[in-house]
Amino acid sequence: LSGLDPAQPYFQSTPIEVRLDKSDAEFVDVIHTDSAPTIPYLGFGISPAIGHLDFYPNGGKQMPGCGKNPVSQIVDLDGIWEGTRDFVACNHLRSYKYYSDSIIYPDGFLGYSCASYNVFETERCFPCPREGCPNMGHFADKFKGKIENNFLKLYLNTGEAKGFALWRYKVTVTLSGKRKVRGYVNIALYGSGGNTRQHQVVKGTLQPDNTYTSFIDVEVNVGTVTKVKFLWNNNILNPTFPKLGAATITVQSGENG
């Protein structure tokens, strides 16, 4: 059984006979996309973990792309009817959109087992453990024989629009140069599976010989990394023409470490 943002009003905190529960089937996976409290945030989806695998994309409360202004959301690429419906319940409806996208991306939507979304954004839940990470959506049941805990809370990030699947990498950059400057560092990954756009690794003071680590969620499964493009910018004209480089760049895949 796959629960697509099961309802919160009238169901949360009720006995298991009333609502979806992992005792309802041999395998129950749940996608939580609108689990903010109904009052005052109008969250439609249940927040506690209730299945064998509970996925909380983007933290499970506010989905990327759902904060657009009403006009741009209603006049949507998918038509006015779809846009109007999304404006009313965008977060709630993301659950079925993620599920349908997961059929197209069988290697995407990896969920990382974590205590909370805040912890997911640190190094403590990365990379996937030896048994791998489950895939949110249609292929979640591939993980069925690997569940040891009572339930697993899983976190991941998604894109803003269709083609929601993202792949997580840890990037560590050691800078080289003569003096510190202010600005930002972007990198793009090139690999056997495709190339990514530029993703920001650090912004602010850039100190040569310092090492900066960041997680990036990229829009393509890069596969074997063959090249990394490094770019820095300070957005201002500097008459001294400061130079900055990368002494080393380390890229680690979340999927296989």
Foldseek 3Di string as FASTA:
>chain_A
DEAQQWFDPPPAPDDCVRGPAQVVDLFYEYEAQACDDCVPPNRGGPPDDGTQEYECEVQRHHAAQLPDDLVDQCCDPVHNVNSVVCVVPVRSVVSVLLQVLCVVVVPFQFWFFDPGPVVVQDCPRFAAPPVWTAHPHDRNCVCSVVRDDPHTYTYYYFDNDRLTTWFKKKKKWAKAFDAKDFWWKWKKWAAPFGIFDIDTQDGTIDGHRDMGMGMDTTSTDRYGTDDMDMDIDHPDDDVVPGDMDTPDMDMGGSGRD
